[in-house]
Amino acid sequence: MFSKKYILSVLALCCCLFGFSQNAKSVLKAQIAIGVNSPSSSGFVAPFEAKPINFPTVNLGVQYMFKEQLGAKFDFGFNRFSNSDESPEFKNNYSRLNLQFVYDATPLNFLPPRIGLVAHAGPGYTFLKPLGNYTDNKHSFLNLMGGLEIHYGMTDTISLFTDVSYIYGFAKDFDPATDGYGSFNGNLTTITFGISFSLSGCYYCD
């Protein structure tokens, strides 16, 4: 469904960081999430148009905290969206790799017990792969992603979370317009639900 090399990149980084951080307290986390996506209508060439809500969105990532509240996250995201009823038929695989800064507001202690709030933002690269009749119209471009996660601690090392993110694409206009048939050069909103594992120690205990 999505390229194995991107998943292997994430897993390799996870293993590397884990090797250096086994004794740290809540330094390294792994995340997996699944949800839905909504592509911007401005990213399509007429008469192509996507459904407002599409499934699936799958995110895999590792997060490393340099300090209690500041860190970085490297993640891979796969999204698929398809045509609305009024549009010519198409499907598109939207994949991305992002390196983001992370700010964990949980230590500020303004939230109920075991509730966490994490903001993330950073640059990345998007890969578009149309399916069906438009496979020649694949392309890639830079992106800038930002989002907010709300966590609920199930145990001292595992939390469930929901994430709302917006991915802004720095893509060129399609020229000629036929290059955009079945493709996409716009922005993407995602909503996912997932699980976060602390690989290096206790997250919610003192």
C-alpha atoms as a PDB file:
ATOM      1  CA  MET A   1       0.000   0.000   0.000  1.00  0.00           C
ATOM      2  CA  PHE A   2       2.869   2.368   0.721  1.00  0.00           C
ATOM      3  CA  SER A   3       6.585   2.121   0.042  1.00  0.00           C
ATOM      4  CA  LYS A   4       8.505  -0.226   2.288  1.00  0.00           C
ATOM      5  CA  LYS A   5      11.634   1.931   2.175  1.00  0.00           C
ATOM      6  CA  TYR A   6       9.889   4.756   4.080  1.00  0.00           C
ATOM      7  CA  ILE A   7       8.694   2.401   6.831  1.00  0.00           C
ATOM      8  CA  LEU A   8      12.143   0.824   7.083  1.00  0.00           C
ATOM      9  CA  SER A   9      13.699   4.278   7.425  1.00  0.00           C
ATOM     10  CA  VAL A  10      11.476   5.054  10.408  1.00  0.00           C
ATOM     11  CA  LEU A  11      12.080   1.669  12.045  1.00  0.00           C
ATOM     12  CA  ALA A  12      15.845   1.927  11.515  1.00  0.00           C
ATOM     13  CA  LEU A  13      15.943   5.333  13.194  1.00  0.00           C
ATOM     14  CA  CYS A  14      13.848   3.973  16.053  1.00  0.00           C
ATOM     15  CA  CYS A  15      16.279   1.104  16.645  1.00  0.00           C
ATOM     16  CA  CYS A  16      19.282   3.415  16.464  1.00  0.00           C
ATOM     17  CA  LEU A  17      17.896   5.881  18.977  1.00  0.00           C
ATOM     18  CA  PHE A  18      16.724   3.078  21.248  1.00  0.00           C
ATOM     19  CA  GLY A  19      20.260   1.770  21.440  1.00  0.00           C
ATOM     20  CA  PHE A  20      21.504   5.096  22.813  1.00  0.00           C
ATOM     21  CA  SER A  21      18.600   5.875  25.143  1.00  0.00           C
ATOM     22  CA  GLN A  22      17.549   2.749  27.024  1.00  0.00           C
ATOM     23  CA  ASN A  23      18.389   4.202  30.430  1.00  0.00           C
ATOM     24  CA  ALA A  24      16.857   7.636  29.931  1.00  0.00           C
ATOM     25  CA  LYS A  25      13.580   8.672  31.466  1.00  0.00           C
ATOM     26  CA  SER A  26      10.875   9.257  28.865  1.00  0.00           C
ATOM     27  CA  VAL A  27      13.361  10.385  26.231  1.00  0.00           C
ATOM     28  CA  LEU A  28      12.355   8.156  23.326  1.00  0.00           C
ATOM     29  CA  LYS A  29       8.837   7.340  22.151  1.00  0.00           C
ATOM     30  CA  ALA A  30       7.376   5.420  19.227  1.00  0.00           C
ATOM     31  CA  GLN A  31       3.996   6.297  17.758  1.00  0.00           C
ATOM     32  CA  ILE A  32       1.532   4.674  15.405  1.00  0.00           C
ATOM     33  CA  ALA A  33      -1.802   6.195  14.420  1.00  0.00           C
ATOM     34  CA  ILE A  34      -4.597   5.721  11.905  1.00  0.00           C
ATOM     35  CA  GLY A  35      -7.357   8.058  10.801  1.00  0.00           C
ATOM     36  CA  VAL A  36      -8.803  10.126   7.979  1.00  0.00           C
ATOM     37  CA  ASN A  37      -7.704  12.945   5.686  1.00  0.00           C
ATOM     38  CA  SER A  38      -9.255  15.867   3.825  1.00  0.00           C
ATOM     39  CA  PRO A  39      -7.414  17.332   0.790  1.00  0.00           C
ATOM     40  CA  SER A  40      -7.966  20.966  -0.165  1.00  0.00           C
ATOM     41  CA  SER A  41     -10.169  21.446  -3.216  1.00  0.00           C
ATOM     42  CA  SER A  42      -7.687  23.975  -4.649  1.00  0.00           C
ATOM     43  CA  GLY A  43      -5.140  21.191  -5.145  1.00  0.00           C
ATOM     44  CA  PHE A  44      -7.042  19.590  -8.020  1.00  0.00           C
ATOM     45  CA  VAL A  45      -7.393  20.419 -11.686  1.00  0.00           C
ATOM     46  CA  ALA A  46     -11.012  20.791 -12.830  1.00  0.00           C
ATOM     47  CA  PRO A  47     -13.103  18.691 -13.136  1.00  0.00           C
ATOM     48  CA  PHE A  48     -11.265  16.465 -10.628  1.00  0.00           C
ATOM     49  CA  GLU A  49     -12.446  16.599  -7.031  1.00  0.00           C
ATOM     50  CA  ALA A  50     -11.868  14.372  -3.995  1.00  0.00           C
ATOM     51  CA  LYS A  51     -14.223  13.221  -1.287  1.00  0.00           C
ATOM     52  CA  PRO A  52     -14.190  15.623   1.678  1.00  0.00           C
ATOM     53  CA  ILE A  53     -13.265  12.781   4.064  1.00  0.00           C
ATOM     54  CA  ASN A  54     -10.997   9.929   3.007  1.00  0.00           C
ATOM     55  CA  PHE A  55      -9.605   6.766   4.637  1.00  0.00           C
ATOM     56  CA  PRO A  56      -6.955   5.756   5.462  1.00  0.00           C
ATOM     57  CA  THR A  57      -4.292   7.962   6.962  1.00  0.00           C
ATOM     58  CA  VAL A  58      -1.477   6.011   8.634  1.00  0.00           C
ATOM     59  CA  ASN A  59       1.336   7.661  10.602  1.00  0.00           C
ATOM     60  CA  LEU A  60       4.475   5.985  11.989  1.00  0.00           C
ATOM     61  CA  GLY A  61       7.081   7.911  13.930  1.00  0.00           C
ATOM     62  CA  VAL A  62       9.736   8.182  16.616  1.00  0.00           C
ATOM     63  CA  GLN A  63      10.116  11.102  19.004  1.00  0.00           C
ATOM     64  CA  TYR A  64      13.264  12.084  20.908  1.00  0.00           C
ATOM     65  CA  MET A  65      13.127  14.621  23.753  1.00  0.00           C
ATOM     66  CA  PHE A  66      16.260  16.715  24.242  1.00  0.00           C
ATOM     67  CA  LYS A  67      14.761  18.363  27.314  1.00  0.00           C
ATOM     68  CA  GLU A  68      11.642  17.767  29.400  1.00  0.00           C
ATOM     69  CA  GLN A  69       9.493  19.888  27.068  1.00  0.00           C
ATOM     70  CA  LEU A  70      11.521  20.193  23.851  1.00  0.00           C
ATOM     71  CA  GLY A  71      12.316  17.499  21.325  1.00  0.00           C
ATOM     72  CA  ALA A  72      12.115  16.340  17.723  1.00  0.00           C
ATOM     73  CA  LYS A  73      10.037  13.835  15.801  1.00  0.00           C
ATOM     74  CA  PHE A  74      10.766  11.963  12.586  1.00  0.00           C
ATOM     75  CA  ASP A  75       7.703  10.419  11.012  1.00  0.00           C
ATOM     76  CA  PHE A  76       6.262   8.865   7.891  1.00  0.00           C
ATOM     77  CA  GLY A  77       2.673   9.402   6.802  1.00  0.00           C
ATOM     78  CA  PHE A  78       0.599   7.618   4.195  1.00  0.00           C
ATOM     79  CA  ASN A  79      -2.712   9.008   2.951  1.00  0.00           C
ATOM     80  CA  ARG A  80      -5.084   7.822   0.245  1.00  0.00           C
ATOM     81  CA  PHE A  81      -7.898   9.870  -1.225  1.00  0.00           C
ATOM     82  CA  SER A  82     -10.237   9.234  -4.128  1.00  0.00           C
ATOM     83  CA  ASN A  83     -12.778  10.957  -6.342  1.00  0.00           C
ATOM     84  CA  SER A  84     -16.103  12.375  -5.261  1.00  0.00           C
ATOM     85  CA  ASP A  85     -19.308  11.346  -7.034  1.00  0.00           C
ATOM     86  CA  GLU A  86     -19.165  14.416  -9.323  1.00  0.00           C
ATOM     87  CA  SER A  87     -15.555  13.852 -10.389  1.00  0.00           C
ATOM     88  CA  PRO A  88     -13.845  11.613 -12.945  1.00  0.00           C
ATOM     89  CA  GLU A  89     -12.596   8.454 -11.264  1.00  0.00           C
ATOM     90  CA  PHE A  90      -9.156   8.559  -9.642  1.00  0.00           C
ATOM     91  CA  LYS A  91      -7.198   7.474  -6.582  1.00  0.00           C
ATOM     92  CA  ASN A  92      -4.066   9.051  -5.190  1.00  0.00           C
ATOM     93  CA  ASN A  93      -1.435   7.920  -2.704  1.00  0.00           C
ATOM     94  CA  TYR A  94      -0.020  10.856  -0.745  1.00  0.00           C
ATOM     95  CA  SER A  95       3.077   9.901   1.255  1.00  0.00           C
ATOM     96  CA  ARG A  96       5.316  12.182   3.302  1.00  0.00           C
ATOM     97  CA  LEU A  97       8.438  12.271   5.453  1.00  0.00           C
ATOM     98  CA  ASN A  98       8.767  15.018   8.074  1.00  0.00           C
ATOM     99  CA  LEU A  99      11.270  16.120  10.707  1.00  0.00           C
ATOM    100  CA  GLN A 100       9.420  18.204  13.295  1.00  0.00           C
ATOM    101  CA  PHE A 101      10.128  20.109  16.468  1.00  0.00           C
ATOM    102  CA  VAL A 102       8.078  18.992  19.468  1.00  0.00           C
ATOM    103  CA  TYR A 103       6.846  21.016  22.436  1.00  0.00           C
ATOM    104  CA  ASP A 104       5.314  19.070  25.340  1.00  0.00           C
ATOM    105  CA  ALA A 105       3.079  21.312  27.450  1.00  0.00           C
ATOM    106  CA  THR A 106       2.198  18.511  29.889  1.00  0.00           C
ATOM    107  CA  PRO A 107       4.819  19.487  32.547  1.00  0.00           C
ATOM    108  CA  LEU A 108       3.112  22.884  32.956  1.00  0.00           C
ATOM    109  CA  ASN A 109       0.573  21.043  35.162  1.00  0.00           C
ATOM    110  CA  PHE A 110      -2.531  22.881  33.959  1.00  0.00           C
ATOM    111  CA  LEU A 111      -4.209  19.693  32.691  1.00  0.00           C
ATOM    112  CA  PRO A 112      -6.054  16.902  34.566  1.00  0.00           C
ATOM    113  CA  PRO A 113      -3.974  13.892  35.686  1.00  0.00           C
ATOM    114  CA  ARG A 114      -2.717  11.673  32.862  1.00  0.00           C
ATOM    115  CA  ILE A 115      -3.795  14.146  30.172  1.00  0.00           C
ATOM    116  CA  GLY A 116      -1.004  15.427  27.933  1.00  0.00           C
ATOM    117  CA  LEU A 117      -0.800  18.153  25.288  1.00  0.00           C
ATOM    118  CA  VAL A 118       1.921  18.110  22.617  1.00  0.00           C
ATOM    119  CA  ALA A 119       2.448  20.505  19.699  1.00  0.00           C
ATOM    120  CA  HIS A 120       4.626  19.657  16.696  1.00  0.00           C
ATOM    121  CA  ALA A 121       5.742  21.459  13.539  1.00  0.00           C
ATOM    122  CA  GLY A 122       8.417  21.095  10.905  1.00  0.00           C
ATOM    123  CA  PRO A 123       9.398  20.671   7.253  1.00  0.00           C
ATOM    124  CA  GLY A 124       9.159  17.601   5.112  1.00  0.00           C
ATOM    125  CA  TYR A 125       8.797  16.137   1.652  1.00  0.00           C
ATOM    126  CA  THR A 126       5.660  14.887  -0.072  1.00  0.00           C
ATOM    127  CA  PHE A 127       5.425  12.128  -2.684  1.00  0.00           C
ATOM    128  CA  LEU A 128       2.296  11.933  -4.888  1.00  0.00           C
ATOM    129  CA  LYS A 129       1.515   8.709  -6.736  1.00  0.00           C
ATOM    130  CA  PRO A 130      -1.726   8.676  -8.747  1.00  0.00           C
ATOM    131  CA  LEU A 131      -3.208   5.257  -9.478  1.00  0.00           C
ATOM    132  CA  GLY A 132      -5.229   3.870 -12.371  1.00  0.00           C
ATOM    133  CA  ASN A 133      -5.126   5.864 -15.613  1.00  0.00           C
ATOM    134  CA  TYR A 134      -2.919   8.691 -14.302  1.00  0.00           C
ATOM    135  CA  THR A 135       0.232   6.962 -13.072  1.00  0.00           C
ATOM    136  CA  ASP A 136       2.455   9.236 -15.203  1.00  0.00           C
ATOM    137  CA  ASN A 137       1.345  12.292 -13.202  1.00  0.00           C
ATOM    138  CA  LYS A 138       3.292  11.480 -10.047  1.00  0.00           C
ATOM    139  CA  HIS A 139       5.363  14.255  -8.524  1.00  0.00           C
ATOM    140  CA  SER A 140       6.873  15.481  -5.248  1.00  0.00           C
ATOM    141  CA  PHE A 141       7.330  18.746  -3.364  1.00  0.00           C
ATOM    142  CA  LEU A 142       8.354  20.280  -0.046  1.00  0.00           C
ATOM    143  CA  ASN A 143       5.817  20.628   2.754  1.00  0.00           C
ATOM    144  CA  LEU A 144       5.435  22.245   6.154  1.00  0.00           C
ATOM    145  CA  MET A 145       3.419  20.361   8.769  1.00  0.00           C
ATOM    146  CA  GLY A 146       1.965  21.456  12.097  1.00  0.00           C
ATOM    147  CA  GLY A 147      -0.332  19.755  14.556  1.00  0.00           C
ATOM    148  CA  LEU A 148      -1.558  19.188  18.087  1.00  0.00           C
ATOM    149  CA  GLU A 149      -1.807  15.924  20.039  1.00  0.00           C
ATOM    150  CA  ILE A 150      -3.950  15.203  23.099  1.00  0.00           C
ATOM    151  CA  HIS A 151      -2.762  12.189  25.111  1.00  0.00           C
ATOM    152  CA  TYR A 152      -4.378  10.044  27.777  1.00  0.00           C
ATOM    153  CA  GLY A 153      -1.985   7.918  29.827  1.00  0.00           C
ATOM    154  CA  MET A 154      -3.159   4.311  29.996  1.00  0.00           C
ATOM    155  CA  THR A 155      -0.075   3.191  31.916  1.00  0.00           C
ATOM    156  CA  ASP A 156       3.189   4.836  32.952  1.00  0.00           C
ATOM    157  CA  THR A 157       4.693   4.090  29.543  1.00  0.00           C
ATOM    158  CA  ILE A 158       1.730   3.909  27.126  1.00  0.00           C
ATOM    159  CA  SER A 159      -0.729   6.606  26.094  1.00  0.00           C
ATOM    160  CA  LEU A 160      -3.597   6.838  23.650  1.00  0.00           C
ATOM    161  CA  PHE A 161      -3.751  10.038  21.642  1.00  0.00           C
ATOM    162  CA  THR A 162      -5.580  11.945  18.964  1.00  0.00           C
ATOM    163  CA  ASP A 163      -3.784  14.248  16.554  1.00  0.00           C
ATOM    164  CA  VAL A 164      -5.064  17.021  14.294  1.00  0.00           C
ATOM    165  CA  SER A 165      -2.526  18.181  11.701  1.00  0.00           C
ATOM    166  CA  TYR A 166      -2.324  20.464   8.688  1.00  0.00           C
ATOM    167  CA  ILE A 167       0.191  19.893   5.895  1.00  0.00           C
ATOM    168  CA  TYR A 168       0.945  22.855   3.642  1.00  0.00           C
ATOM    169  CA  GLY A 169       2.352  21.925   0.256  1.00  0.00           C
ATOM    170  CA  PHE A 170       4.931  24.060  -1.565  1.00  0.00           C
ATOM    171  CA  ALA A 171       3.959  22.716  -4.970  1.00  0.00           C
ATOM    172  CA  LYS A 172       4.047  24.396  -8.367  1.00  0.00           C
ATOM    173  CA  ASP A 173       0.983  24.876 -10.549  1.00  0.00           C
ATOM    174  CA  PHE A 174       0.333  22.159 -13.096  1.00  0.00           C
ATOM    175  CA  ASP A 175       1.591  23.261 -16.511  1.00  0.00           C
ATOM    176  CA  PRO A 176       0.091  21.985 -18.697  1.00  0.00           C
ATOM    177  CA  ALA A 177      -3.110  21.299 -16.789  1.00  0.00           C
ATOM    178  CA  THR A 178      -3.135  17.699 -18.024  1.00  0.00           C
ATOM    179  CA  ASP A 179      -0.170  17.041 -15.689  1.00  0.00           C
ATOM    180  CA  GLY A 180      -2.637  17.461 -12.843  1.00  0.00           C
ATOM    181  CA  TYR A 181      -5.196  14.923 -14.013  1.00  0.00           C
ATOM    182  CA  GLY A 182      -5.722  12.522 -11.139  1.00  0.00           C
ATOM    183  CA  SER A 183      -2.936  14.245  -9.185  1.00  0.00           C
ATOM    184  CA  PHE A 184      -2.774  16.842  -6.406  1.00  0.00           C
ATOM    185  CA  ASN A 185      -0.688  19.896  -5.437  1.00  0.00           C
ATOM    186  CA  GLY A 186      -2.579  21.291  -2.451  1.00  0.00           C
ATOM    187  CA  ASN A 187      -2.781  21.090   1.329  1.00  0.00           C
ATOM    188  CA  LEU A 188      -3.976  18.245   3.519  1.00  0.00           C
ATOM    189  CA  THR A 189      -5.741  18.065   6.886  1.00  0.00           C
ATOM    190  CA  THR A 190      -5.510  14.839   8.895  1.00  0.00           C
ATOM    191  CA  ILE A 191      -7.195  13.534  12.032  1.00  0.00           C
ATOM    192  CA  THR A 192      -5.740  10.378  13.560  1.00  0.00           C
ATOM    193  CA  PHE A 193      -6.065   8.205  16.647  1.00  0.00           C
ATOM    194  CA  GLY A 194      -3.145   6.197  17.907  1.00  0.00           C
ATOM    195  CA  ILE A 195      -0.913   4.836  20.610  1.00  0.00           C
ATOM    196  CA  SER A 196       2.406   6.157  21.933  1.00  0.00           C
ATOM    197  CA  PHE A 197       5.007   3.944  23.633  1.00  0.00           C
ATOM    198  CA  SER A 198       7.774   5.280  25.859  1.00  0.00           C
ATOM    199  CA  LEU A 199      10.810   3.176  24.924  1.00  0.00           C
ATOM    200  CA  SER A 200      13.201   4.673  27.444  1.00  0.00           C
ATOM    201  CA  GLY A 201      11.414   4.964  30.766  1.00  0.00           C
ATOM    202  CA  CYS A 202       8.386   6.099  32.701  1.00  0.00           C
ATOM    203  CA  TYR A 203       6.424   9.027  31.269  1.00  0.00           C
ATOM    204  CA  TYR A 204       3.749   9.753  33.855  1.00  0.00           C
ATOM    205  CA  CYS A 205       5.415   8.656  37.087  1.00  0.00           C
ATOM    206  CA  ASP A 206       7.640  10.982  39.121  1.00  0.00           C
END
